[in-house]
Amino acid sequence: MNVTQASSMELAIYAITFATLISATVRLLFRHRSTIRQILGPPSPSWIFGHMLQLRLSREYGDHEFQWLKQFGSVYRLQGCFGKNQLMVADPLALQYILNSPVFGRTGAVNVMVDLVFGKKSVIGAQDNEHRRLRAGLNIGFTATAVRNYQPVFERVAETIAEELDNHPAASINISPLLTVATLGAITEAVFRYSLKDLGEEFVENNFQTVELTATRSEAQLLVDALSDRLPLWLWHAATYLPTTAFKIIRRGNELADQMGRQIVRERLDAAKQGLKMNDDLFSILLDPDVQDHMSGDDVVAQIRLILLAGQETTANTIAWGLLELAKNPAFQEKLRAEIQDALGTSAGAVAYDGMPLLNAFIKETIRLYPALPLADRVVLQDTTIPLSDPITTSTGHINRIPVLKGQHVTLCIAAYQRLESRWGADSHDFNPFRWLDGTEFRKEAVGPYANLLSFLGGPRTCLGWRFAIVEMQVILSHLVAKFSFAQVEGESILPRYLNNLLPVVSSGEKAVPLSITRI
C-alpha cells in the first residue's frame, strides 16, 4: 500500500493533528538537543520521514541498517518522522538494561496495535501487577515440562505437512502457506484440543486476514505511527467503528475470539462440574482449580487472540527461513539429515530432540539471522542513564553511558545485535551453524532466554511461548528434513523484508518461499 491508498481514517488523522505535531516536534528537538544530538549518525535525507523509509521500507531488510552498524557502531542516532531524534541500540549491555528496566515502555504506535488487536486484558496488553499476575498464571502451560507434553501434537502436524508435500503435483511448491496453516493447527490442538475444522471457516479466515493486516507497512503507516504518541487511545477505539476493511477485520476477530473462548471455557468448566477429569490442553491446565495461580474464565478468554496470532506466523516464517538456508547449503543439509535419521531410527518411544546438536545449532543460527521482530521500539518514561558494553565516540568525546530524557524514543536493534562482529565473529552475516558447536558463539551478558539471542525479546516481557516455538521447530524440521530434500528454485530470489515482522518476499512483493522439494 502507498500513500495514495491510505485509508480515510489515516488522512483525517493527518489533517487533525498536523499543526499539533509541528509544535510538539519543535519542543522535543530543543529538549533533546543536549543528550542525543551528540551521538553520531548519518545525515537525514528528509524532515518528514527522516531515515524511516530507509530503515523500515527498504527493498531488503538491513540494506541501510547493517551499513550504519558498520559505520557508526552498536549505538548511533537516526532521525524519525518530523525531525524527531531516535536512538538506535545494538549494544548488549544497553539492550539488557532497557529490556529489564521499568523506565522504558512501549511507544504509542505499539500500544495502539496491542490494545486494538489483543486488548488490555491480554497478558501483552496488561501492565504492572496485572501483567505479572497473568504471566504467572499462563506460565504453567509453557514450562519445559508442559511443552514436552505437546510433542505428540507437533509430530502429528509434521506428518500432515509431509502428506501434503507427497500429494503436491508440482515440481516446486511455495512452502509458506502450508506452514502457516500447519502452525495454526499445532497451537490450536495444543491449546484447545481443537482441529482447524472445529474452529470454523470464518474464524480461521479471519485469523489469516489479521496476520496479513499486521504484516503490512507503508509510508502512510509510518506517519500514522509517528502521530500515535500524540493521539488519545479513545480516539483509536472510536476509529475502529469506521467502515474500513481493516477495522472490520479487527472487530470481527475480537468478536469471534470472545465467542470461541467462552464456548471452550464453558465446556471445560461443565466437565469439571460433572466430575470428569480435566484434559491436558492449555485451557484445561489454566482453569484447573487445583493448579496454583489458576486463572478465571474471563482471564483465559482474553488470551485467545494473542495465543493464536503470536504463536502461528512467527514460527511458520522461521521454519521457512530454515528450509531456505538448507536449500542454499546442500552439504550442511546432508549432514543434518544424517544426524536426524540416526536419532529417529534409534529412538525407542519419545524422540530426544534436545539430543541432536546439529539440529539445535541449525535452529539457533536460523533464529539469529532471521529474528521475527528485528526492531522493537521503546520510549523513555523517566530520565535515566543507559550503560554500554563498549564506549562510543560522540561529537564531544568518548562515553560509556548515555543520559536519556523522558520521552526519548529508543529502538532495540535486535537483528543488528545478532550480527555484531564483536559478539559473533567476522562471519556474523553468514549462515554458519557450526559457530554454535565450536565454542565461538557469544557467551557474555544474558540478554535473552535462548542462546543469548533476542528473537524472543528478554526481561519481564520475554515471549511466554519461546519453549513452545523451539520444540515445534525441532519436531517439524526433523520430520521434514528426514523425509525430503530441499533445493532452490532456479531464477527465484527470496529477500527478507520488514513488514512488522521479518517476512520472506519474492521479487513480485508476495510473501513466499518457493522450493524444489523431493521425497527421499
Protein backbone atom coordinates (compact mmCIF):
# COMPACT_ATOMS: atom_id res chain seq x y z
CA MET A 1 0.00 0.00 0.00
CA ASN A 2 1.28 3.52 -0.83
CA VAL A 3 0.30 6.98 0.38
CA THR A 4 -2.41 7.40 -2.26
CA GLN A 5 -4.05 4.22 -0.98
CA ALA A 6 -4.09 5.35 2.65
CA SER A 7 -7.43 4.96 4.37
CA SER A 8 -9.73 7.88 5.03
CA MET A 9 -9.02 7.47 8.73
CA GLU A 10 -5.28 7.97 8.19
CA LEU A 11 -5.83 11.09 6.08
CA ALA A 12 -8.20 12.51 8.67
CA ILE A 13 -5.58 11.95 11.36
CA TYR A 14 -3.01 13.89 9.33
CA ALA A 15 -5.33 16.87 8.97
CA ILE A 16 -6.44 16.93 12.62
CA THR A 17 -3.03 16.56 14.23
CA PHE A 18 -0.50 18.09 11.84
CA ALA A 19 -0.39 21.52 13.48
CA THR A 20 -0.09 19.99 16.94
CA LEU A 21 2.68 17.70 15.76
CA ILE A 22 4.79 20.53 14.36
CA SER A 23 4.76 22.48 17.60
CA ALA A 24 5.39 19.36 19.68
CA THR A 25 8.27 18.32 17.45
CA VAL A 26 9.95 21.69 17.81
CA ARG A 27 9.72 21.44 21.61
CA LEU A 28 11.14 17.92 21.56
CA LEU A 29 14.04 18.87 19.32
CA PHE A 30 15.15 21.58 21.73
CA ARG A 31 14.63 19.37 24.77
CA HIS A 32 16.76 16.52 23.46
CA ARG A 33 19.49 18.61 21.89
CA SER A 34 21.78 18.26 24.92
CA THR A 35 21.72 14.44 25.04
CA ILE A 36 21.04 12.65 21.80
CA ARG A 37 22.37 15.10 19.22
CA GLN A 38 25.93 14.48 20.42
CA ILE A 39 25.72 10.88 19.27
CA LEU A 40 26.93 10.27 15.72
CA GLY A 41 24.70 9.09 12.90
CA PRO A 42 24.02 9.51 9.18
CA PRO A 43 22.62 12.80 7.83
CA SER A 44 18.84 12.78 7.46
CA PRO A 45 17.51 12.63 3.89
CA SER A 46 14.09 14.05 4.81
CA TRP A 47 12.43 16.07 7.57
CA ILE A 48 9.06 14.38 7.09
CA PHE A 49 10.27 10.77 7.05
CA GLY A 50 13.79 11.11 8.45
CA HIS A 51 15.55 7.75 7.99
CA MET A 52 12.36 5.71 8.41
CA LEU A 53 11.93 4.91 4.73
CA GLN A 54 15.46 3.51 4.61
CA LEU A 55 15.13 1.66 7.92
CA ARG A 56 11.63 0.20 7.59
CA LEU A 57 10.76 0.19 3.89
CA SER A 58 13.99 -0.89 2.21
CA ARG A 59 13.72 -3.49 -0.55
CA GLU A 60 15.79 -5.91 1.51
CA TYR A 61 15.80 -5.61 5.28
CA GLY A 62 19.14 -4.34 6.56
CA ASP A 63 20.21 -2.66 3.29
CA HIS A 64 20.91 0.55 5.22
CA GLU A 65 20.82 -0.57 8.85
CA PHE A 66 23.71 -3.00 8.62
CA GLN A 67 25.80 -0.36 6.82
CA TRP A 68 25.05 2.13 9.60
CA LEU A 69 26.00 -0.53 12.15
CA LYS A 70 29.36 -0.98 10.41
CA GLN A 71 29.97 2.76 10.08
CA PHE A 72 28.77 4.05 13.47
CA GLY A 73 28.95 1.04 15.77
CA SER A 74 26.42 -0.53 18.12
CA VAL A 75 24.82 2.78 19.19
CA TYR A 76 24.02 5.64 16.83
CA ARG A 77 21.43 8.29 16.11
CA LEU A 78 18.80 8.39 13.38
CA GLN A 79 16.05 10.83 12.64
CA GLY A 80 12.46 9.68 12.88
CA CYS A 81 9.45 11.24 11.19
CA PHE A 82 9.05 15.00 11.54
CA GLY A 83 12.64 15.57 12.68
CA LYS A 84 12.46 13.60 15.92
CA ASN A 85 15.77 12.08 17.02
CA GLN A 86 15.81 8.32 17.59
CA LEU A 87 18.46 6.32 19.43
CA MET A 88 19.43 3.02 17.75
CA VAL A 89 20.82 0.45 20.20
CA ALA A 90 22.52 -2.88 19.43
CA ASP A 91 24.94 -2.84 22.40
CA PRO A 92 24.27 -5.98 24.53
CA LEU A 93 24.57 -4.35 27.96
CA ALA A 94 22.35 -1.47 26.87
CA LEU A 95 19.78 -3.89 25.48
CA GLN A 96 19.82 -5.91 28.68
CA TYR A 97 19.28 -2.74 30.73
CA ILE A 98 16.44 -1.42 28.56
CA LEU A 99 14.56 -4.73 28.50
CA ASN A 100 14.76 -5.18 32.26
CA SER A 101 14.20 -1.59 33.37
CA PRO A 102 10.70 -0.28 34.25
CA VAL A 103 11.62 3.18 32.95
CA PHE A 104 11.22 2.04 29.33
CA GLY A 105 7.78 1.42 27.87
CA ARG A 106 6.22 0.71 24.51
CA THR A 107 5.69 3.59 22.12
CA GLY A 108 2.23 4.91 21.33
CA ALA A 109 2.07 3.10 17.98
CA VAL A 110 2.82 -0.28 19.57
CA ASN A 111 0.37 0.34 22.41
CA VAL A 112 -2.37 1.18 19.91
CA MET A 113 -1.79 -2.01 17.95
CA VAL A 114 -1.68 -4.18 21.10
CA ASP A 115 -4.79 -2.60 22.55
CA LEU A 116 -6.88 -2.83 19.38
CA VAL A 117 -5.87 -6.35 18.33
CA PHE A 118 -5.25 -8.10 21.67
CA GLY A 119 -6.92 -5.90 24.30
CA LYS A 120 -5.86 -4.54 27.69
CA LYS A 121 -6.83 -7.78 29.45
CA SER A 122 -4.38 -9.87 27.45
CA VAL A 123 -1.02 -10.57 29.05
CA ILE A 124 0.72 -8.46 26.40
CA GLY A 125 -1.67 -5.56 26.98
CA ALA A 126 -1.71 -5.67 30.79
CA GLN A 127 0.60 -3.52 32.89
CA ASP A 128 2.47 -3.80 36.21
CA ASN A 129 0.85 -6.13 38.80
CA GLU A 130 -1.87 -7.28 36.42
CA HIS A 131 0.76 -8.29 33.86
CA ARG A 132 2.71 -10.21 36.50
CA ARG A 133 -0.46 -11.98 37.68
CA LEU A 134 -1.48 -13.07 34.19
CA ARG A 135 2.03 -14.11 33.30
CA ALA A 136 2.31 -16.27 36.42
CA GLY A 137 -0.97 -17.96 35.52
CA LEU A 138 -0.08 -18.56 31.88
CA ASN A 139 3.43 -19.77 32.63
CA ILE A 140 2.15 -23.13 33.89
CA GLY A 141 1.23 -24.01 30.32
CA PHE A 142 4.62 -23.04 28.87
CA THR A 143 7.14 -24.63 31.20
CA ALA A 144 9.67 -27.08 29.78
CA THR A 145 7.62 -30.00 31.14
CA ALA A 146 4.32 -28.69 29.78
CA VAL A 147 5.76 -28.03 26.35
CA ARG A 148 7.19 -31.55 26.12
CA ASN A 149 3.64 -32.83 26.55
CA TYR A 150 2.72 -31.05 23.30
CA GLN A 151 5.38 -33.00 21.36
CA PRO A 152 2.93 -35.63 20.02
CA VAL A 153 0.77 -32.78 18.66
CA PHE A 154 3.73 -31.37 16.76
CA GLU A 155 4.59 -34.81 15.39
CA ARG A 156 1.06 -35.24 14.03
CA VAL A 157 1.27 -31.81 12.42
CA ALA A 158 4.63 -32.72 10.85
CA GLU A 159 3.08 -35.87 9.38
CA THR A 160 0.25 -33.78 7.92
CA ILE A 161 2.76 -31.47 6.23
CA ALA A 162 4.60 -34.49 4.83
CA GLU A 163 1.36 -35.88 3.37
CA GLU A 164 0.62 -32.51 1.75
CA LEU A 165 4.07 -32.45 0.17
CA ASP A 166 3.73 -36.02 -1.04
CA ASN A 167 0.42 -35.18 -2.74
CA HIS A 168 1.61 -31.93 -4.30
CA PRO A 169 1.86 -32.40 -8.08
CA ALA A 170 4.21 -29.52 -8.96
CA ALA A 171 7.99 -29.74 -9.08
CA SER A 172 8.23 -26.71 -6.78
CA ILE A 173 5.97 -25.53 -4.01
CA ASN A 174 5.54 -22.32 -2.03
CA ILE A 175 6.08 -23.73 1.44
CA SER A 176 4.89 -20.59 3.28
CA PRO A 177 1.08 -21.03 3.21
CA LEU A 178 1.41 -24.73 4.06
CA LEU A 179 3.49 -23.86 7.14
CA THR A 180 1.09 -21.07 8.15
CA VAL A 181 -1.84 -23.49 8.22
CA ALA A 182 0.24 -26.16 9.97
CA THR A 183 1.45 -23.90 12.79
CA LEU A 184 -2.07 -22.59 13.40
CA GLY A 185 -3.24 -26.20 13.58
CA ALA A 186 -0.46 -27.06 16.04
CA ILE A 187 -1.22 -24.32 18.50
CA THR A 188 -4.98 -24.86 18.16
CA GLU A 189 -4.69 -28.53 19.08
CA ALA A 190 -2.17 -27.94 21.87
CA VAL A 191 -4.13 -25.07 23.45
CA PHE A 192 -7.74 -26.21 22.92
CA ARG A 193 -7.58 -29.82 21.68
CA TYR A 194 -9.50 -28.44 18.69
CA SER A 195 -8.86 -29.02 14.99
CA LEU A 196 -8.99 -26.17 12.48
CA LYS A 197 -12.35 -27.57 11.37
CA ASP A 198 -13.62 -27.19 14.95
CA LEU A 199 -12.63 -23.50 14.90
CA GLY A 200 -14.83 -22.91 11.87
CA GLU A 201 -14.07 -21.44 8.45
CA GLU A 202 -14.85 -17.85 9.44
CA PHE A 203 -12.58 -17.96 12.50
CA VAL A 204 -9.66 -19.42 10.52
CA GLU A 205 -10.13 -17.00 7.62
CA ASN A 206 -10.27 -14.02 9.98
CA ASN A 207 -7.09 -15.23 11.65
CA PHE A 208 -5.27 -15.31 8.32
CA GLN A 209 -6.70 -11.88 7.39
CA THR A 210 -5.45 -10.43 10.68
CA VAL A 211 -1.98 -11.89 10.08
CA GLU A 212 -1.92 -10.26 6.64
CA LEU A 213 -3.18 -6.99 8.09
CA THR A 214 -0.48 -6.81 10.75
CA ALA A 215 2.19 -7.78 8.20
CA THR A 216 1.92 -4.54 6.22
CA ARG A 217 3.94 -1.35 6.19
CA SER A 218 3.58 1.80 4.09
CA GLU A 219 4.65 5.43 4.02
CA ALA A 220 1.24 6.43 5.33
CA GLN A 221 1.54 4.00 8.23
CA LEU A 222 4.94 5.41 9.17
CA LEU A 223 3.36 8.83 9.55
CA VAL A 224 0.41 7.45 11.49
CA ASP A 225 2.82 5.65 13.85
CA ALA A 226 4.65 8.94 14.42
CA LEU A 227 1.35 10.58 15.37
CA SER A 228 0.24 7.83 17.72
CA ASP A 229 2.04 9.25 20.76
CA ARG A 230 0.04 12.47 20.35
CA LEU A 231 -3.41 10.89 20.00
CA PRO A 232 -5.54 9.54 22.87
CA LEU A 233 -6.38 5.84 22.82
CA TRP A 234 -10.12 6.54 22.94
CA LEU A 235 -9.84 8.15 19.51
CA TRP A 236 -8.36 4.96 18.08
CA HIS A 237 -11.14 2.90 19.64
CA ALA A 238 -13.70 5.24 18.13
CA ALA A 239 -11.94 4.89 14.76
CA THR A 240 -12.41 1.10 14.82
CA TYR A 241 -16.09 1.72 14.06
CA LEU A 242 -15.22 3.37 10.75
CA PRO A 243 -16.35 1.23 7.78
CA THR A 244 -12.84 0.31 6.61
CA THR A 245 -11.80 -3.23 5.73
CA ALA A 246 -9.01 -3.24 8.32
CA PHE A 247 -11.24 -2.24 11.22
CA LYS A 248 -13.96 -4.67 10.14
CA ILE A 249 -11.41 -7.50 10.31
CA ILE A 250 -10.23 -6.40 13.77
CA ARG A 251 -13.76 -6.00 15.15
CA ARG A 252 -14.95 -9.34 13.81
CA GLY A 253 -11.81 -11.09 15.00
CA ASN A 254 -12.33 -9.85 18.54
CA GLU A 255 -15.97 -10.99 18.45
CA LEU A 256 -15.08 -14.45 17.14
CA ALA A 257 -12.26 -14.91 19.66
CA ASP A 258 -14.57 -13.96 22.52
CA GLN A 259 -17.28 -16.37 21.33
CA MET A 260 -14.83 -19.22 20.80
CA GLY A 261 -13.08 -18.65 24.12
CA ARG A 262 -16.30 -18.61 26.10
CA GLN A 263 -17.50 -21.78 24.40
CA ILE A 264 -14.31 -23.64 25.28
CA VAL A 265 -14.29 -22.34 28.87
CA ARG A 266 -17.91 -23.49 29.30
CA GLU A 267 -17.01 -26.96 28.01
CA ARG A 268 -14.10 -27.27 30.42
CA LEU A 269 -15.98 -25.98 33.47
CA ASP A 270 -19.07 -28.08 32.74
CA ALA A 271 -16.88 -31.17 32.51
CA ALA A 272 -15.28 -30.31 35.86
CA LYS A 273 -18.71 -29.90 37.50
CA GLN A 274 -19.65 -33.38 36.28
CA GLY A 275 -16.56 -34.76 37.96
CA LEU A 276 -14.80 -35.53 34.71
CA LYS A 277 -11.01 -35.35 34.57
CA MET A 278 -9.64 -32.14 33.05
CA ASN A 279 -7.86 -32.51 29.71
CA ASP A 280 -4.13 -31.86 29.37
CA ASP A 281 -4.59 -28.97 26.91
CA LEU A 282 -3.52 -25.46 27.92
CA PHE A 283 -7.04 -24.20 28.65
CA SER A 284 -7.77 -27.09 31.00
CA ILE A 285 -4.49 -26.53 32.83
CA LEU A 286 -5.14 -22.80 33.23
CA LEU A 287 -8.68 -23.33 34.56
CA ASP A 288 -7.87 -26.23 36.91
CA PRO A 289 -8.64 -25.01 40.49
CA ASP A 290 -6.08 -27.46 41.86
CA VAL A 291 -3.30 -25.66 39.98
CA GLN A 292 -1.54 -22.78 41.74
CA ASP A 293 -2.13 -19.41 40.04
CA HIS A 294 -5.06 -20.86 38.06
CA MET A 295 -7.00 -18.30 36.04
CA SER A 296 -10.62 -17.25 35.76
CA GLY A 297 -12.67 -17.92 32.64
CA ASP A 298 -12.57 -14.24 31.69
CA ASP A 299 -8.79 -14.18 32.08
CA VAL A 300 -8.40 -17.18 29.81
CA VAL A 301 -10.78 -15.87 27.14
CA ALA A 302 -8.81 -12.62 26.97
CA GLN A 303 -5.69 -14.52 25.83
CA ILE A 304 -7.24 -16.24 22.77
CA ARG A 305 -6.22 -13.70 20.10
CA LEU A 306 -2.69 -13.36 21.42
CA ILE A 307 -2.03 -17.10 21.72
CA LEU A 308 -3.27 -17.87 18.21
CA LEU A 309 -1.69 -14.92 16.39
CA ALA A 310 1.63 -14.75 18.22
CA GLY A 311 2.15 -18.50 18.11
CA GLN A 312 1.42 -19.01 14.45
CA GLU A 313 3.04 -16.81 11.84
CA THR A 314 6.37 -16.15 13.53
CA THR A 315 7.09 -19.87 13.86
CA ALA A 316 5.93 -20.58 10.30
CA ASN A 317 8.26 -17.88 8.94
CA THR A 318 11.23 -19.13 10.96
CA ILE A 319 10.76 -22.70 9.68
CA ALA A 320 10.51 -21.34 6.12
CA TRP A 321 13.75 -19.37 6.57
CA GLY A 322 15.44 -22.51 7.89
CA LEU A 323 14.35 -24.62 4.91
CA LEU A 324 15.55 -21.89 2.56
CA GLU A 325 19.00 -21.92 4.19
CA LEU A 326 19.12 -25.70 3.84
CA ALA A 327 18.31 -25.30 0.15
CA LYS A 328 21.21 -22.85 -0.18
CA ASN A 329 23.59 -25.12 1.74
CA PRO A 330 23.13 -28.70 0.43
CA ALA A 331 26.28 -30.06 2.11
CA PHE A 332 25.07 -28.94 5.53
CA GLN A 333 21.60 -30.26 4.71
CA GLU A 334 23.07 -33.73 4.15
CA LYS A 335 24.94 -33.67 7.48
CA LEU A 336 21.82 -32.54 9.30
CA ARG A 337 19.72 -35.24 7.63
CA ALA A 338 22.20 -37.93 8.67
CA GLU A 339 22.02 -36.83 12.32
CA ILE A 340 18.21 -36.67 12.28
CA GLN A 341 17.73 -40.03 10.57
CA ASP A 342 20.12 -41.67 13.00
CA ALA A 343 18.28 -40.19 16.01
CA LEU A 344 14.83 -41.06 14.68
CA GLY A 345 15.92 -44.55 13.71
CA THR A 346 17.42 -45.42 17.09
CA SER A 347 14.82 -43.77 19.34
CA ALA A 348 12.61 -46.01 21.41
CA GLY A 349 9.43 -44.09 22.19
CA ALA A 350 9.72 -40.30 22.53
CA VAL A 351 12.44 -38.72 20.39
CA ALA A 352 15.09 -36.71 22.31
CA TYR A 353 15.20 -33.65 20.05
CA ASP A 354 17.42 -31.77 22.50
CA GLY A 355 19.99 -34.52 21.97
CA MET A 356 20.63 -33.57 18.31
CA PRO A 357 23.46 -30.99 18.44
CA LEU A 358 23.44 -30.15 14.74
CA LEU A 359 19.66 -29.71 14.66
CA ASN A 360 19.74 -27.29 17.58
CA ALA A 361 22.71 -25.39 16.19
CA PHE A 362 20.77 -25.05 12.93
CA ILE A 363 17.70 -23.67 14.75
CA LYS A 364 19.80 -21.20 16.75
CA GLU A 365 21.55 -19.96 13.62
CA THR A 366 18.24 -19.54 11.76
CA ILE A 367 16.76 -17.55 14.64
CA ARG A 368 19.93 -15.47 14.91
CA LEU A 369 19.88 -14.43 11.25
CA TYR A 370 16.09 -14.11 10.92
CA PRO A 371 14.54 -12.75 14.13
CA ALA A 372 10.77 -12.43 13.71
CA LEU A 373 10.94 -8.95 15.22
CA PRO A 374 14.17 -7.29 14.00
CA LEU A 375 13.35 -3.93 15.62
CA ALA A 376 11.48 -3.11 18.83
CA ASP A 377 10.59 0.48 19.73
CA ARG A 378 10.59 1.84 23.28
CA VAL A 379 10.05 5.24 24.87
CA VAL A 380 11.78 6.56 28.00
CA LEU A 381 9.22 7.04 30.80
CA GLN A 382 11.55 8.96 33.12
CA ASP A 383 15.07 10.35 32.87
CA THR A 384 17.72 7.64 33.16
CA THR A 385 21.19 6.61 32.00
CA ILE A 386 21.85 3.66 29.66
CA PRO A 387 25.11 1.72 30.35
CA LEU A 388 27.20 0.43 27.42
CA SER A 389 29.36 -2.67 26.96
CA ASP A 390 31.75 -0.75 24.74
CA PRO A 391 32.43 3.02 24.79
CA ILE A 392 31.21 5.06 21.82
CA THR A 393 32.60 8.22 20.25
CA THR A 394 30.33 11.27 20.24
CA SER A 395 30.83 14.75 18.83
CA THR A 396 32.28 15.79 22.20
CA GLY A 397 34.38 12.73 23.13
CA HIS A 398 34.09 9.13 24.39
CA ILE A 399 31.30 7.94 26.69
CA ASN A 400 30.33 4.59 28.23
CA ARG A 401 26.91 5.71 29.49
CA ILE A 402 24.14 7.62 27.68
CA PRO A 403 21.87 10.01 29.62
CA VAL A 404 18.37 9.95 28.10
CA LEU A 405 15.39 12.12 28.98
CA LYS A 406 11.74 11.29 29.39
CA GLY A 407 10.00 11.00 26.03
CA GLN A 408 13.08 9.90 24.08
CA HIS A 409 12.42 7.14 21.52
CA VAL A 410 14.84 4.21 21.60
CA THR A 411 14.91 1.38 19.04
CA LEU A 412 16.20 -2.03 20.08
CA CYS A 413 18.14 -3.25 17.05
CA ILE A 414 17.66 -6.97 17.54
CA ALA A 415 18.78 -8.07 14.08
CA ALA A 416 21.84 -5.82 14.29
CA TYR A 417 22.79 -7.11 17.74
CA GLN A 418 22.60 -10.65 16.41
CA ARG A 419 25.06 -9.71 13.66
CA LEU A 420 27.63 -7.83 15.75
CA GLU A 421 31.10 -8.90 14.65
CA SER A 422 32.44 -8.26 18.14
CA ARG A 423 30.00 -10.86 19.51
CA TRP A 424 29.51 -13.40 16.72
CA GLY A 425 32.75 -13.22 14.73
CA ALA A 426 33.92 -11.91 11.38
CA ASP A 427 31.35 -14.07 9.57
CA SER A 428 28.45 -12.69 11.63
CA HIS A 429 26.37 -12.02 8.49
CA ASP A 430 26.84 -15.56 7.19
CA PHE A 431 24.83 -18.71 7.82
CA ASN A 432 27.19 -20.88 9.90
CA PRO A 433 25.51 -23.29 12.33
CA PHE A 434 28.90 -24.65 13.37
CA ARG A 435 29.56 -21.46 15.37
CA TRP A 436 27.23 -22.99 17.99
CA LEU A 437 29.33 -26.14 18.19
CA ASP A 438 32.90 -24.82 18.15
CA GLY A 439 32.55 -22.50 21.16
CA THR A 440 32.78 -19.22 19.26
CA GLU A 441 29.23 -18.03 19.93
CA PHE A 442 28.64 -15.08 22.27
CA ARG A 443 28.53 -16.16 25.93
CA LYS A 444 28.69 -12.91 27.94
CA GLU A 445 25.65 -10.84 29.01
CA ALA A 446 22.48 -12.95 29.15
CA VAL A 447 20.27 -10.74 27.01
CA GLY A 448 17.59 -13.25 26.03
CA PRO A 449 16.05 -16.52 27.24
CA TYR A 450 17.50 -18.71 24.48
CA ALA A 451 21.15 -18.88 23.37
CA ASN A 452 21.82 -15.20 24.23
CA LEU A 453 19.53 -14.23 21.37
CA LEU A 454 16.82 -11.58 21.47
CA SER A 455 14.50 -13.19 18.95
CA PHE A 456 12.10 -13.83 21.86
CA LEU A 457 12.94 -10.46 23.50
CA GLY A 458 14.06 -10.53 27.14
CA GLY A 459 13.30 -9.32 30.64
CA PRO A 460 9.76 -9.30 32.10
CA ARG A 461 8.27 -9.17 28.58
CA THR A 462 10.09 -12.24 27.26
CA CYS A 463 7.85 -14.21 24.90
CA LEU A 464 5.98 -16.73 27.06
CA GLY A 465 5.81 -19.25 24.24
CA TRP A 466 9.50 -19.42 23.35
CA ARG A 467 9.91 -23.02 24.54
CA PHE A 468 6.75 -23.97 22.66
CA ALA A 469 8.19 -22.46 19.46
CA ILE A 470 11.57 -24.19 19.85
CA VAL A 471 10.10 -27.66 20.36
CA GLU A 472 7.65 -27.11 17.50
CA MET A 473 10.54 -26.19 15.20
CA GLN A 474 12.64 -29.13 16.40
CA VAL A 475 9.85 -31.59 15.61
CA ILE A 476 8.65 -30.18 12.29
CA LEU A 477 12.13 -29.57 10.87
CA SER A 478 13.32 -33.02 11.93
CA HIS A 479 10.45 -34.83 10.25
CA LEU A 480 10.64 -32.78 7.06
CA VAL A 481 14.42 -32.97 6.64
CA ALA A 482 14.40 -36.72 7.31
CA LYS A 483 11.90 -37.33 4.50
CA PHE A 484 12.53 -34.62 1.90
CA SER A 485 15.37 -32.89 0.10
CA PHE A 486 15.09 -29.12 -0.33
CA ALA A 487 16.65 -27.16 -3.20
CA GLN A 488 16.38 -23.63 -4.55
CA VAL A 489 14.10 -22.88 -7.48
CA GLU A 490 16.16 -21.55 -10.37
CA GLY A 491 15.56 -17.88 -11.10
CA GLU A 492 13.76 -17.18 -7.79
CA SER A 493 15.15 -14.54 -5.43
CA ILE A 494 13.81 -14.52 -1.87
CA LEU A 495 14.62 -11.50 0.28
CA PRO A 496 13.88 -10.61 3.92
CA ARG A 497 11.54 -7.64 4.18
CA TYR A 498 10.44 -5.92 7.37
CA LEU A 499 6.64 -5.65 7.39
CA ASN A 500 6.09 -5.50 11.18
CA ASN A 501 7.62 -9.00 11.11
CA LEU A 502 10.58 -10.22 9.08
CA LEU A 503 8.96 -11.90 6.08
CA PRO A 504 10.38 -13.87 3.12
CA VAL A 505 9.33 -11.99 -0.03
CA VAL A 506 9.84 -12.84 -3.72
CA SER A 507 10.53 -10.31 -6.48
CA SER A 508 6.80 -9.68 -7.07
CA GLY A 509 6.45 -8.46 -3.49
CA GLU A 510 4.45 -11.51 -2.40
CA LYS A 511 5.29 -13.36 0.78
CA ALA A 512 6.50 -16.74 -0.47
CA VAL A 513 9.27 -19.34 -0.19
CA PRO A 514 9.18 -21.44 -3.37
CA LEU A 515 11.35 -24.55 -3.04
CA SER A 516 12.04 -27.64 -5.08
CA ILE A 517 11.11 -30.50 -2.74
CA THR A 518 11.90 -34.15 -3.43
CA ARG A 519 10.88 -37.20 -1.43
CA ILE A 520 13.92 -39.20 -0.27
